[in-house]
Amino acid sequence: MRTRADTDTTGGTEDGSAVPVPRRLLAAATRLFAEQGYDRTSVQEIVEAAGVTKGALYHYFGSKDDLLHEIYGRLLRLQQERLDLLAGRDAPVEQRLREAAADVVVTTIDNLDDAMIFFRTMHQLSPEKQRQVRAERRRYHERFRALVEEGQRSGVFSTAAPAELVVDYHFGSVHHLGSWYRPDGRLSPQQVADHLADLLLRSLRP
């Protein structure tokens, strides 16, 4: 039987933890999916790692698929909110694009488990959830591309390469961060972000 402790979003749980149950479930699922893969992770392992019951999981997430979708969703929402804020600032377009290009690198590295799970297992989402994720990603890419197009229209950026190709160039680098970036490496997240943002801006010079 599910108790109030299992379903309370604001604090109390069976073990006295103050961390909300949904957050604990997402943290446990993210770690396990990253370490051993989505397919090889059972619902039982997730609830044991989170210290809750299966009833608690199904109260907040209808399935393991829903957990996977939310792992994607929270990173996409964070990055979209930050991009909208940066793109809407009253600043030169090259400054806004550089800040946006660096931000997506830093937020990806800061949430590298989420990003790795996203790129490795998106195909395992249900068709409907895959469509939702693609639509959310498309919105982000279109907002980012609009900055490139703005600069191209105003003559600040070169028009030699199509804006869509420029965007794919940058996000190809972002998508590969999980294959080589290490927290104990010689470059900090901000240094990696600065290098990649500079490469992007360099490719757009008239």
N, C-alpha and C. Protein backbone atom coordinates (compact mmCIF):
# COMPACT_ATOMS: atom_id res chain seq x y z
N MET A 1 0.84 -1.19 0.00
CA MET A 1 0.00 0.00 0.00
C MET A 1 0.89 1.25 0.00
N ARG A 2 0.57 2.25 -0.84
CA ARG A 2 1.35 3.46 -0.91
C ARG A 2 1.00 4.37 0.25
N THR A 3 2.00 4.86 0.94
CA THR A 3 1.78 5.76 2.06
C THR A 3 1.99 7.20 1.62
N ARG A 4 1.60 8.13 2.49
CA ARG A 4 1.81 9.54 2.20
C ARG A 4 3.31 9.82 2.06
N ALA A 5 4.13 9.11 2.82
CA ALA A 5 5.57 9.32 2.75
C ALA A 5 6.11 9.02 1.36
N ASP A 6 5.48 8.03 0.71
CA ASP A 6 5.93 7.67 -0.64
C ASP A 6 5.57 8.73 -1.66
N THR A 7 4.50 9.48 -1.42
CA THR A 7 3.97 10.35 -2.46
C THR A 7 4.09 11.83 -2.16
N ASP A 8 4.72 12.17 -1.05
CA ASP A 8 4.84 13.57 -0.67
C ASP A 8 5.92 14.25 -1.51
N THR A 9 5.56 15.28 -2.27
CA THR A 9 6.53 15.96 -3.12
C THR A 9 7.34 16.99 -2.36
N THR A 10 6.94 17.32 -1.16
CA THR A 10 7.58 18.44 -0.48
C THR A 10 8.57 18.02 0.58
N GLY A 11 8.71 16.75 0.86
CA GLY A 11 9.70 16.41 1.85
C GLY A 11 9.59 15.00 2.35
N GLY A 12 8.92 14.80 3.50
CA GLY A 12 8.97 13.57 4.25
C GLY A 12 8.84 12.30 3.45
N THR A 13 9.73 11.36 3.71
CA THR A 13 9.69 10.04 3.10
C THR A 13 9.94 9.01 4.18
N GLU A 14 9.88 7.76 3.80
CA GLU A 14 10.02 6.70 4.79
C GLU A 14 11.33 6.78 5.55
N ASP A 15 12.41 7.23 4.88
CA ASP A 15 13.70 7.28 5.56
C ASP A 15 14.01 8.67 6.11
N GLY A 16 13.03 9.59 6.04
CA GLY A 16 13.23 10.91 6.60
C GLY A 16 13.92 11.88 5.68
N SER A 17 14.20 11.48 4.45
CA SER A 17 14.90 12.37 3.52
C SER A 17 14.03 13.57 3.19
N ALA A 18 14.69 14.73 3.07
CA ALA A 18 13.97 15.96 2.71
C ALA A 18 13.94 16.17 1.20
N VAL A 19 14.60 15.31 0.43
CA VAL A 19 14.63 15.44 -1.02
C VAL A 19 13.30 14.93 -1.59
N PRO A 20 12.61 15.74 -2.41
CA PRO A 20 11.33 15.29 -2.97
C PRO A 20 11.47 13.96 -3.70
N VAL A 21 10.45 13.13 -3.58
CA VAL A 21 10.47 11.79 -4.17
C VAL A 21 10.73 11.81 -5.68
N PRO A 22 10.05 12.67 -6.46
CA PRO A 22 10.33 12.66 -7.91
C PRO A 22 11.80 12.94 -8.23
N ARG A 23 12.39 13.86 -7.47
CA ARG A 23 13.80 14.19 -7.72
C ARG A 23 14.70 13.01 -7.38
N ARG A 24 14.37 12.29 -6.32
CA ARG A 24 15.16 11.12 -5.95
C ARG A 24 15.05 10.03 -7.01
N LEU A 25 13.85 9.85 -7.53
CA LEU A 25 13.66 8.84 -8.58
C LEU A 25 14.43 9.21 -9.84
N LEU A 26 14.38 10.48 -10.22
CA LEU A 26 15.09 10.92 -11.42
C LEU A 26 16.60 10.79 -11.23
N ALA A 27 17.10 11.14 -10.05
CA ALA A 27 18.54 11.03 -9.79
C ALA A 27 18.99 9.58 -9.86
N ALA A 28 18.20 8.69 -9.26
CA ALA A 28 18.55 7.27 -9.28
C ALA A 28 18.49 6.71 -10.71
N ALA A 29 17.43 7.05 -11.43
CA ALA A 29 17.28 6.56 -12.80
C ALA A 29 18.39 7.08 -13.69
N THR A 30 18.74 8.35 -13.56
CA THR A 30 19.79 8.94 -14.37
C THR A 30 21.11 8.22 -14.14
N ARG A 31 21.46 8.01 -12.89
CA ARG A 31 22.72 7.33 -12.57
C ARG A 31 22.74 5.91 -13.12
N LEU A 32 21.66 5.17 -12.90
CA LEU A 32 21.62 3.78 -13.35
C LEU A 32 21.58 3.66 -14.87
N PHE A 33 20.81 4.52 -15.53
CA PHE A 33 20.76 4.49 -17.00
C PHE A 33 22.14 4.80 -17.58
N ALA A 34 22.84 5.76 -16.97
CA ALA A 34 24.16 6.14 -17.47
C ALA A 34 25.18 5.03 -17.23
N GLU A 35 25.09 4.38 -16.07
CA GLU A 35 26.08 3.37 -15.70
C GLU A 35 25.88 2.04 -16.41
N GLN A 36 24.62 1.61 -16.54
CA GLN A 36 24.40 0.25 -17.05
C GLN A 36 23.45 0.17 -18.22
N GLY A 37 22.92 1.31 -18.67
CA GLY A 37 22.04 1.31 -19.83
C GLY A 37 20.58 1.24 -19.44
N TYR A 38 19.75 1.79 -20.29
CA TYR A 38 18.31 1.81 -20.04
C TYR A 38 17.73 0.39 -20.03
N ASP A 39 18.08 -0.40 -21.03
CA ASP A 39 17.53 -1.75 -21.15
C ASP A 39 17.88 -2.63 -19.96
N ARG A 40 19.08 -2.45 -19.43
CA ARG A 40 19.56 -3.34 -18.36
C ARG A 40 19.20 -2.85 -16.97
N THR A 41 18.45 -1.76 -16.90
CA THR A 41 18.03 -1.23 -15.60
C THR A 41 16.56 -1.55 -15.36
N SER A 42 16.27 -2.18 -14.24
CA SER A 42 14.89 -2.54 -13.92
C SER A 42 14.24 -1.49 -13.04
N VAL A 43 12.92 -1.49 -13.04
CA VAL A 43 12.18 -0.59 -12.16
C VAL A 43 12.54 -0.87 -10.70
N GLN A 44 12.72 -2.13 -10.36
CA GLN A 44 13.06 -2.48 -8.99
C GLN A 44 14.39 -1.87 -8.56
N GLU A 45 15.37 -1.87 -9.46
CA GLU A 45 16.66 -1.27 -9.14
C GLU A 45 16.52 0.23 -8.91
N ILE A 46 15.68 0.87 -9.69
CA ILE A 46 15.49 2.31 -9.56
C ILE A 46 14.87 2.65 -8.21
N VAL A 47 13.81 1.95 -7.85
CA VAL A 47 13.13 2.30 -6.59
C VAL A 47 14.02 1.95 -5.38
N GLU A 48 14.80 0.89 -5.49
CA GLU A 48 15.71 0.56 -4.38
C GLU A 48 16.79 1.63 -4.23
N ALA A 49 17.32 2.10 -5.36
CA ALA A 49 18.35 3.14 -5.31
C ALA A 49 17.78 4.45 -4.78
N ALA A 50 16.52 4.73 -5.09
CA ALA A 50 15.87 5.96 -4.62
C ALA A 50 15.36 5.84 -3.20
N GLY A 51 15.26 4.62 -2.70
CA GLY A 51 14.76 4.41 -1.34
C GLY A 51 13.27 4.60 -1.22
N VAL A 52 12.52 4.25 -2.29
CA VAL A 52 11.06 4.37 -2.26
C VAL A 52 10.45 3.07 -2.75
N THR A 53 9.12 3.03 -2.83
CA THR A 53 8.43 1.84 -3.31
C THR A 53 8.05 2.01 -4.78
N LYS A 54 7.67 0.89 -5.40
CA LYS A 54 7.19 0.96 -6.78
C LYS A 54 5.94 1.83 -6.86
N GLY A 55 5.13 1.80 -5.80
CA GLY A 55 3.93 2.62 -5.79
C GLY A 55 4.27 4.10 -5.92
N ALA A 56 5.37 4.51 -5.29
CA ALA A 56 5.79 5.92 -5.39
C ALA A 56 6.19 6.25 -6.82
N LEU A 57 6.94 5.34 -7.44
CA LEU A 57 7.35 5.60 -8.83
C LEU A 57 6.13 5.75 -9.73
N TYR A 58 5.19 4.82 -9.63
CA TYR A 58 4.03 4.85 -10.52
C TYR A 58 3.07 5.98 -10.20
N HIS A 59 3.21 6.56 -9.00
CA HIS A 59 2.40 7.73 -8.66
C HIS A 59 2.85 8.95 -9.47
N TYR A 60 4.16 9.08 -9.65
CA TYR A 60 4.71 10.24 -10.34
C TYR A 60 5.05 9.98 -11.81
N PHE A 61 5.43 8.77 -12.10
CA PHE A 61 5.84 8.41 -13.46
C PHE A 61 5.12 7.12 -13.83
N GLY A 62 4.38 7.16 -14.91
CA GLY A 62 3.58 6.00 -15.27
C GLY A 62 4.38 4.78 -15.66
N SER A 63 5.65 4.99 -16.03
CA SER A 63 6.46 3.88 -16.50
C SER A 63 7.93 4.29 -16.49
N LYS A 64 8.79 3.31 -16.75
CA LYS A 64 10.21 3.60 -16.90
C LYS A 64 10.43 4.53 -18.09
N ASP A 65 9.60 4.38 -19.10
CA ASP A 65 9.63 5.24 -20.29
C ASP A 65 9.39 6.70 -19.91
N ASP A 66 8.47 6.94 -18.99
CA ASP A 66 8.20 8.30 -18.54
C ASP A 66 9.40 8.90 -17.82
N LEU A 67 10.11 8.09 -17.05
CA LEU A 67 11.33 8.57 -16.40
C LEU A 67 12.36 8.99 -17.43
N LEU A 68 12.54 8.16 -18.44
CA LEU A 68 13.50 8.46 -19.50
C LEU A 68 13.13 9.76 -20.21
N HIS A 69 11.84 9.92 -20.49
CA HIS A 69 11.38 11.13 -21.16
C HIS A 69 11.62 12.37 -20.31
N GLU A 70 11.42 12.27 -19.02
CA GLU A 70 11.62 13.43 -18.14
C GLU A 70 13.10 13.78 -18.00
N ILE A 71 13.97 12.77 -18.05
CA ILE A 71 15.41 13.05 -18.02
C ILE A 71 15.79 13.92 -19.21
N TYR A 72 15.26 13.58 -20.38
CA TYR A 72 15.48 14.43 -21.56
C TYR A 72 14.85 15.80 -21.36
N GLY A 73 13.60 15.78 -20.91
CA GLY A 73 12.81 17.00 -20.85
C GLY A 73 13.41 18.06 -19.96
N ARG A 74 13.94 17.68 -18.81
CA ARG A 74 14.43 18.69 -17.88
C ARG A 74 15.67 19.40 -18.44
N LEU A 75 16.53 18.67 -19.16
CA LEU A 75 17.69 19.32 -19.76
C LEU A 75 17.27 20.22 -20.91
N LEU A 76 16.36 19.75 -21.74
CA LEU A 76 15.89 20.57 -22.84
C LEU A 76 15.20 21.84 -22.35
N ARG A 77 14.41 21.72 -21.30
CA ARG A 77 13.73 22.91 -20.76
C ARG A 77 14.73 23.92 -20.21
N LEU A 78 15.71 23.43 -19.49
CA LEU A 78 16.74 24.31 -18.95
C LEU A 78 17.45 25.06 -20.08
N GLN A 79 17.86 24.33 -21.11
CA GLN A 79 18.60 24.96 -22.19
C GLN A 79 17.73 25.91 -23.00
N GLN A 80 16.47 25.56 -23.18
CA GLN A 80 15.56 26.45 -23.91
C GLN A 80 15.34 27.75 -23.14
N GLU A 81 15.13 27.65 -21.85
CA GLU A 81 14.92 28.85 -21.03
C GLU A 81 16.14 29.77 -21.09
N ARG A 82 17.31 29.18 -21.00
CA ARG A 82 18.53 29.98 -21.02
C ARG A 82 18.77 30.59 -22.40
N LEU A 83 18.49 29.84 -23.45
CA LEU A 83 18.65 30.38 -24.80
C LEU A 83 17.69 31.53 -25.04
N ASP A 84 16.44 31.37 -24.65
CA ASP A 84 15.46 32.44 -24.84
C ASP A 84 15.91 33.71 -24.12
N LEU A 85 16.46 33.55 -22.93
CA LEU A 85 16.93 34.70 -22.17
C LEU A 85 18.11 35.38 -22.86
N LEU A 86 19.07 34.59 -23.29
CA LEU A 86 20.27 35.14 -23.93
C LEU A 86 19.94 35.76 -25.29
N ALA A 87 19.13 35.07 -26.08
CA ALA A 87 18.80 35.56 -27.42
C ALA A 87 17.98 36.84 -27.37
N GLY A 88 17.20 37.02 -26.31
CA GLY A 88 16.33 38.17 -26.22
C GLY A 88 16.97 39.40 -25.60
N ARG A 89 18.24 39.30 -25.24
CA ARG A 89 18.92 40.44 -24.62
C ARG A 89 19.16 41.56 -25.62
N ASP A 90 19.32 42.76 -25.10
CA ASP A 90 19.64 43.92 -25.93
C ASP A 90 21.16 44.03 -26.02
N ALA A 91 21.74 43.22 -26.92
CA ALA A 91 23.19 43.17 -27.09
C ALA A 91 23.49 42.84 -28.54
N PRO A 92 24.71 43.14 -29.03
CA PRO A 92 25.06 42.80 -30.41
C PRO A 92 24.85 41.32 -30.68
N VAL A 93 24.45 41.00 -31.91
CA VAL A 93 24.10 39.62 -32.22
C VAL A 93 25.29 38.68 -32.05
N GLU A 94 26.50 39.14 -32.35
CA GLU A 94 27.65 38.25 -32.18
C GLU A 94 27.88 37.91 -30.72
N GLN A 95 27.59 38.86 -29.82
CA GLN A 95 27.73 38.59 -28.39
C GLN A 95 26.66 37.60 -27.93
N ARG A 96 25.44 37.81 -28.39
CA ARG A 96 24.36 36.90 -27.99
C ARG A 96 24.61 35.49 -28.51
N LEU A 97 25.08 35.37 -29.76
CA LEU A 97 25.35 34.04 -30.31
C LEU A 97 26.50 33.37 -29.57
N ARG A 98 27.53 34.12 -29.28
CA ARG A 98 28.67 33.52 -28.57
C ARG A 98 28.25 33.02 -27.19
N GLU A 99 27.48 33.83 -26.48
CA GLU A 99 27.02 33.42 -25.15
C GLU A 99 26.11 32.20 -25.23
N ALA A 100 25.24 32.17 -26.24
CA ALA A 100 24.35 31.01 -26.40
C ALA A 100 25.14 29.77 -26.76
N ALA A 101 26.14 29.93 -27.64
CA ALA A 101 26.96 28.79 -28.05
C ALA A 101 27.76 28.23 -26.89
N ALA A 102 28.27 29.11 -26.03
CA ALA A 102 29.01 28.66 -24.85
C ALA A 102 28.08 28.04 -23.82
N ASP A 103 26.89 28.62 -23.67
CA ASP A 103 25.95 28.15 -22.64
C ASP A 103 25.52 26.71 -22.88
N VAL A 104 25.25 26.36 -24.13
CA VAL A 104 24.79 25.00 -24.39
C VAL A 104 25.90 23.98 -24.11
N VAL A 105 27.15 24.40 -24.24
CA VAL A 105 28.26 23.52 -23.91
C VAL A 105 28.35 23.33 -22.40
N VAL A 106 28.30 24.43 -21.65
CA VAL A 106 28.41 24.35 -20.19
C VAL A 106 27.25 23.57 -19.59
N THR A 107 26.03 23.85 -20.04
CA THR A 107 24.87 23.14 -19.47
C THR A 107 24.88 21.67 -19.85
N THR A 108 25.42 21.34 -21.00
CA THR A 108 25.53 19.92 -21.38
C THR A 108 26.55 19.22 -20.50
N ILE A 109 27.71 19.84 -20.29
CA ILE A 109 28.73 19.23 -19.43
C ILE A 109 28.23 19.12 -17.99
N ASP A 110 27.53 20.16 -17.52
CA ASP A 110 27.01 20.12 -16.15
C ASP A 110 25.95 19.04 -15.96
N ASN A 111 25.34 18.60 -17.06
CA ASN A 111 24.31 17.55 -17.01
C ASN A 111 24.69 16.43 -17.96
N LEU A 112 25.96 16.01 -17.88
CA LEU A 112 26.49 15.10 -18.89
C LEU A 112 25.81 13.74 -18.88
N ASP A 113 25.44 13.23 -17.70
CA ASP A 113 24.72 11.96 -17.66
C ASP A 113 23.41 12.06 -18.41
N ASP A 114 22.68 13.16 -18.19
CA ASP A 114 21.41 13.37 -18.90
C ASP A 114 21.64 13.39 -20.40
N ALA A 115 22.67 14.13 -20.83
CA ALA A 115 22.94 14.26 -22.26
C ALA A 115 23.35 12.93 -22.88
N MET A 116 24.18 12.16 -22.18
CA MET A 116 24.62 10.86 -22.70
C MET A 116 23.45 9.91 -22.84
N ILE A 117 22.58 9.92 -21.84
CA ILE A 117 21.39 9.06 -21.92
C ILE A 117 20.53 9.49 -23.10
N PHE A 118 20.39 10.79 -23.27
CA PHE A 118 19.58 11.34 -24.37
C PHE A 118 20.06 10.80 -25.71
N PHE A 119 21.34 10.93 -25.99
CA PHE A 119 21.85 10.56 -27.30
C PHE A 119 21.94 9.05 -27.51
N ARG A 120 22.10 8.30 -26.43
CA ARG A 120 22.23 6.85 -26.56
C ARG A 120 20.90 6.13 -26.64
N THR A 121 19.88 6.67 -25.99
CA THR A 121 18.65 5.89 -25.83
C THR A 121 17.38 6.58 -26.27
N MET A 122 17.49 7.71 -26.96
CA MET A 122 16.27 8.38 -27.41
C MET A 122 15.40 7.45 -28.25
N HIS A 123 16.05 6.59 -29.04
CA HIS A 123 15.30 5.70 -29.93
C HIS A 123 14.45 4.70 -29.15
N GLN A 124 14.70 4.56 -27.85
CA GLN A 124 13.94 3.61 -27.05
C GLN A 124 12.68 4.22 -26.43
N LEU A 125 12.50 5.51 -26.62
CA LEU A 125 11.25 6.12 -26.20
C LEU A 125 10.10 5.64 -27.09
N SER A 126 8.88 5.75 -26.60
CA SER A 126 7.72 5.44 -27.41
C SER A 126 7.66 6.41 -28.59
N PRO A 127 7.04 6.03 -29.71
CA PRO A 127 6.95 6.93 -30.87
C PRO A 127 6.38 8.30 -30.52
N GLU A 128 5.36 8.35 -29.67
CA GLU A 128 4.77 9.63 -29.30
C GLU A 128 5.76 10.50 -28.54
N LYS A 129 6.48 9.91 -27.60
CA LYS A 129 7.45 10.69 -26.82
C LYS A 129 8.64 11.10 -27.69
N GLN A 130 9.00 10.26 -28.66
CA GLN A 130 10.06 10.66 -29.58
C GLN A 130 9.65 11.88 -30.38
N ARG A 131 8.39 11.94 -30.80
CA ARG A 131 7.90 13.11 -31.53
C ARG A 131 7.95 14.35 -30.66
N GLN A 132 7.58 14.20 -29.39
CA GLN A 132 7.61 15.34 -28.48
C GLN A 132 9.02 15.86 -28.30
N VAL A 133 9.97 14.94 -28.10
CA VAL A 133 11.36 15.34 -27.90
C VAL A 133 11.92 16.01 -29.15
N ARG A 134 11.62 15.45 -30.31
CA ARG A 134 12.11 16.06 -31.56
C ARG A 134 11.54 17.47 -31.74
N ALA A 135 10.28 17.65 -31.39
CA ALA A 135 9.67 18.98 -31.51
C ALA A 135 10.35 19.96 -30.57
N GLU A 136 10.67 19.53 -29.35
CA GLU A 136 11.34 20.40 -28.39
C GLU A 136 12.75 20.74 -28.85
N ARG A 137 13.46 19.75 -29.37
CA ARG A 137 14.81 19.99 -29.88
C ARG A 137 14.76 20.91 -31.10
N ARG A 138 13.77 20.72 -31.95
CA ARG A 138 13.65 21.55 -33.15
C ARG A 138 13.43 23.00 -32.76
N ARG A 139 12.61 23.24 -31.74
CA ARG A 139 12.36 24.61 -31.28
C ARG A 139 13.67 25.25 -30.82
N TYR A 140 14.46 24.50 -30.08
CA TYR A 140 15.74 25.02 -29.60
C TYR A 140 16.65 25.35 -30.78
N HIS A 141 16.79 24.42 -31.70
CA HIS A 141 17.68 24.64 -32.85
C HIS A 141 17.21 25.82 -33.70
N GLU A 142 15.91 25.97 -33.86
CA GLU A 142 15.39 27.08 -34.65
C GLU A 142 15.68 28.42 -33.99
N ARG A 143 15.58 28.48 -32.67
CA ARG A 143 15.88 29.72 -31.95
C ARG A 143 17.37 30.05 -32.08
N PHE A 144 18.20 29.04 -32.00
CA PHE A 144 19.64 29.22 -32.14
C PHE A 144 19.97 29.66 -33.57
N ARG A 145 19.36 28.99 -34.54
CA ARG A 145 19.60 29.33 -35.94
C ARG A 145 19.16 30.75 -36.26
N ALA A 146 18.11 31.22 -35.60
CA ALA A 146 17.62 32.58 -35.83
C ALA A 146 18.68 33.62 -35.50
N LEU A 147 19.52 33.34 -34.52
CA LEU A 147 20.62 34.25 -34.20
C LEU A 147 21.63 34.31 -35.34
N VAL A 148 21.95 33.15 -35.90
CA VAL A 148 22.88 33.11 -37.04
C VAL A 148 22.28 33.87 -38.21
N GLU A 149 21.02 33.63 -38.49
CA GLU A 149 20.35 34.29 -39.62
C GLU A 149 20.27 35.80 -39.41
N GLU A 150 20.04 36.22 -38.17
CA GLU A 150 20.00 37.66 -37.87
C GLU A 150 21.33 38.32 -38.22
N GLY A 151 22.40 37.66 -37.79
CA GLY A 151 23.72 38.20 -38.08
C GLY A 151 24.06 38.18 -39.56
N GLN A 152 23.59 37.16 -40.27
CA GLN A 152 23.83 37.09 -41.71
C GLN A 152 23.06 38.18 -42.45
N ARG A 153 21.83 38.42 -42.04
CA ARG A 153 21.04 39.47 -42.69
C ARG A 153 21.64 40.86 -42.50
N SER A 154 22.22 41.07 -41.32
CA SER A 154 22.77 42.39 -41.02
C SER A 154 24.20 42.57 -41.52
N GLY A 155 24.77 41.53 -42.08
CA GLY A 155 26.12 41.63 -42.60
C GLY A 155 27.22 41.38 -41.59
N VAL A 156 26.85 41.06 -40.35
CA VAL A 156 27.83 40.79 -39.31
C VAL A 156 28.48 39.43 -39.53
N PHE A 157 27.69 38.47 -40.00
CA PHE A 157 28.19 37.12 -40.25
C PHE A 157 28.25 36.84 -41.74
N SER A 158 29.16 35.96 -42.12
CA SER A 158 29.27 35.52 -43.50
C SER A 158 28.05 34.69 -43.90
N THR A 159 27.68 34.79 -45.16
CA THR A 159 26.58 33.97 -45.68
C THR A 159 27.11 32.83 -46.53
N ALA A 160 28.42 32.59 -46.47
CA ALA A 160 29.03 31.55 -47.30
C ALA A 160 28.46 30.17 -46.99
N ALA A 161 28.16 29.92 -45.74
CA ALA A 161 27.58 28.63 -45.34
C ALA A 161 26.15 28.87 -44.88
N PRO A 162 25.22 27.98 -45.24
CA PRO A 162 23.83 28.12 -44.77
C PRO A 162 23.77 28.08 -43.25
N ALA A 163 22.85 28.85 -42.69
CA ALA A 163 22.72 28.91 -41.23
C ALA A 163 22.48 27.53 -40.63
N GLU A 164 21.69 26.72 -41.31
CA GLU A 164 21.39 25.38 -40.77
C GLU A 164 22.66 24.54 -40.65
N LEU A 165 23.57 24.66 -41.63
CA LEU A 165 24.82 23.90 -41.59
C LEU A 165 25.72 24.40 -40.47
N VAL A 166 25.72 25.70 -40.25
CA VAL A 166 26.51 26.29 -39.16
C VAL A 166 26.02 25.76 -37.81
N VAL A 167 24.72 25.70 -37.64
CA VAL A 167 24.13 25.19 -36.40
C VAL A 167 24.48 23.71 -36.21
N ASP A 168 24.35 22.92 -37.27
CA ASP A 168 24.70 21.50 -37.17
C ASP A 168 26.17 21.30 -36.81
N TYR A 169 27.02 22.16 -37.34
CA TYR A 169 28.45 22.12 -37.04
C TYR A 169 28.69 22.27 -35.54
N HIS A 170 28.05 23.26 -34.95
CA HIS A 170 28.25 23.49 -33.51
C HIS A 170 27.65 22.37 -32.68
N PHE A 171 26.44 21.96 -33.00
CA PHE A 171 25.79 20.95 -32.16
C PHE A 171 26.40 19.57 -32.35
N GLY A 172 27.06 19.34 -33.48
CA GLY A 172 27.81 18.10 -33.63
C GLY A 172 28.90 18.01 -32.58
N SER A 173 29.56 19.14 -32.30
CA SER A 173 30.59 19.16 -31.25
C SER A 173 29.98 18.94 -29.87
N VAL A 174 28.82 19.55 -29.64
CA VAL A 174 28.15 19.40 -28.35
C VAL A 174 27.74 17.94 -28.13
N HIS A 175 27.24 17.31 -29.17
CA HIS A 175 26.76 15.93 -29.04
C HIS A 175 27.88 14.94 -28.74
N HIS A 176 29.11 15.31 -29.07
CA HIS A 176 30.23 14.40 -28.84
C HIS A 176 30.94 14.64 -27.52
N LEU A 177 30.48 15.58 -26.74
CA LEU A 177 31.14 15.86 -25.47
C LEU A 177 31.21 14.63 -24.56
N GLY A 178 30.15 13.86 -24.54
CA GLY A 178 30.11 12.70 -23.66
C GLY A 178 31.13 11.64 -24.01
N SER A 179 31.65 11.66 -25.22
CA SER A 179 32.61 10.63 -25.64
C SER A 179 34.05 10.96 -25.24
N TRP A 180 34.32 12.22 -24.88
CA TRP A 180 35.71 12.55 -24.56
C TRP A 180 35.89 13.43 -23.32
N TYR A 181 34.88 14.20 -22.94
CA TYR A 181 35.09 15.12 -21.81
C TYR A 181 35.19 14.35 -20.50
N ARG A 182 36.18 14.74 -19.68
CA ARG A 182 36.34 14.16 -18.35
C ARG A 182 36.49 15.27 -17.32
N PRO A 183 35.77 15.20 -16.21
CA PRO A 183 35.84 16.26 -15.18
C PRO A 183 37.26 16.50 -14.68
N ASP A 184 38.11 15.47 -14.71
CA ASP A 184 39.47 15.63 -14.20
C ASP A 184 40.46 15.99 -15.31
N GLY A 185 39.94 16.35 -16.48
CA GLY A 185 40.80 16.74 -17.59
C GLY A 185 41.38 18.13 -17.39
N ARG A 186 42.20 18.58 -18.34
CA ARG A 186 42.91 19.86 -18.16
C ARG A 186 42.04 21.07 -18.47
N LEU A 187 40.89 20.86 -19.14
CA LEU A 187 40.02 21.98 -19.48
C LEU A 187 38.76 21.98 -18.62
N SER A 188 38.42 23.14 -18.09
CA SER A 188 37.18 23.27 -17.33
C SER A 188 36.01 23.35 -18.30
N PRO A 189 34.77 23.16 -17.81
CA PRO A 189 33.61 23.31 -18.70
C PRO A 189 33.58 24.66 -19.41
N GLN A 190 33.91 25.74 -18.69
CA GLN A 190 33.87 27.06 -19.30
C GLN A 190 34.96 27.21 -20.37
N GLN A 191 36.13 26.62 -20.15
CA GLN A 191 37.18 26.69 -21.15
C GLN A 191 36.80 25.94 -22.41
N VAL A 192 36.20 24.77 -22.25
CA VAL A 192 35.72 24.03 -23.42
C VAL A 192 34.67 24.86 -24.15
N ALA A 193 33.75 25.44 -23.39
CA ALA A 193 32.69 26.25 -23.98
C ALA A 193 33.26 27.44 -24.75
N ASP A 194 34.26 28.10 -24.17
CA ASP A 194 34.86 29.27 -24.83
C ASP A 194 35.55 28.87 -26.14
N HIS A 195 36.26 27.76 -26.12
CA HIS A 195 36.94 27.30 -27.34
C HIS A 195 35.93 26.99 -28.45
N LEU A 196 34.89 26.25 -28.11
CA LEU A 196 33.90 25.87 -29.13
C LEU A 196 33.12 27.07 -29.63
N ALA A 197 32.80 27.99 -28.73
CA ALA A 197 32.09 29.20 -29.15
C ALA A 197 32.97 30.05 -30.07
N ASP A 198 34.25 30.14 -29.76
CA ASP A 198 35.18 30.90 -30.60
C ASP A 198 35.29 30.25 -31.99
N LEU A 199 35.33 28.93 -32.04
CA LEU A 199 35.39 28.24 -33.33
C LEU A 199 34.15 28.55 -34.16
N LEU A 200 32.99 28.57 -33.51
CA LEU A 200 31.76 28.89 -34.22
C LEU A 200 31.80 30.30 -34.79
N LEU A 201 32.15 31.26 -33.94
CA LEU A 201 32.20 32.66 -34.40
C LEU A 201 33.24 32.85 -35.49
N ARG A 202 34.35 32.12 -35.39
CA ARG A 202 35.39 32.22 -36.41
C ARG A 202 34.87 31.74 -37.77
N SER A 203 34.05 30.70 -37.73
CA SER A 203 33.52 30.15 -38.99
C SER A 203 32.52 31.09 -39.66
N LEU A 204 32.05 32.09 -38.91
CA LEU A 204 31.05 33.01 -39.44
C LEU A 204 31.62 34.38 -39.82
N ARG A 205 32.91 34.53 -39.65
CA ARG A 205 33.50 35.83 -39.99
C ARG A 205 33.36 36.12 -41.47
N PRO A 206 32.97 37.35 -41.84
CA PRO A 206 32.82 37.71 -43.26
C PRO A 206 34.14 37.63 -44.02
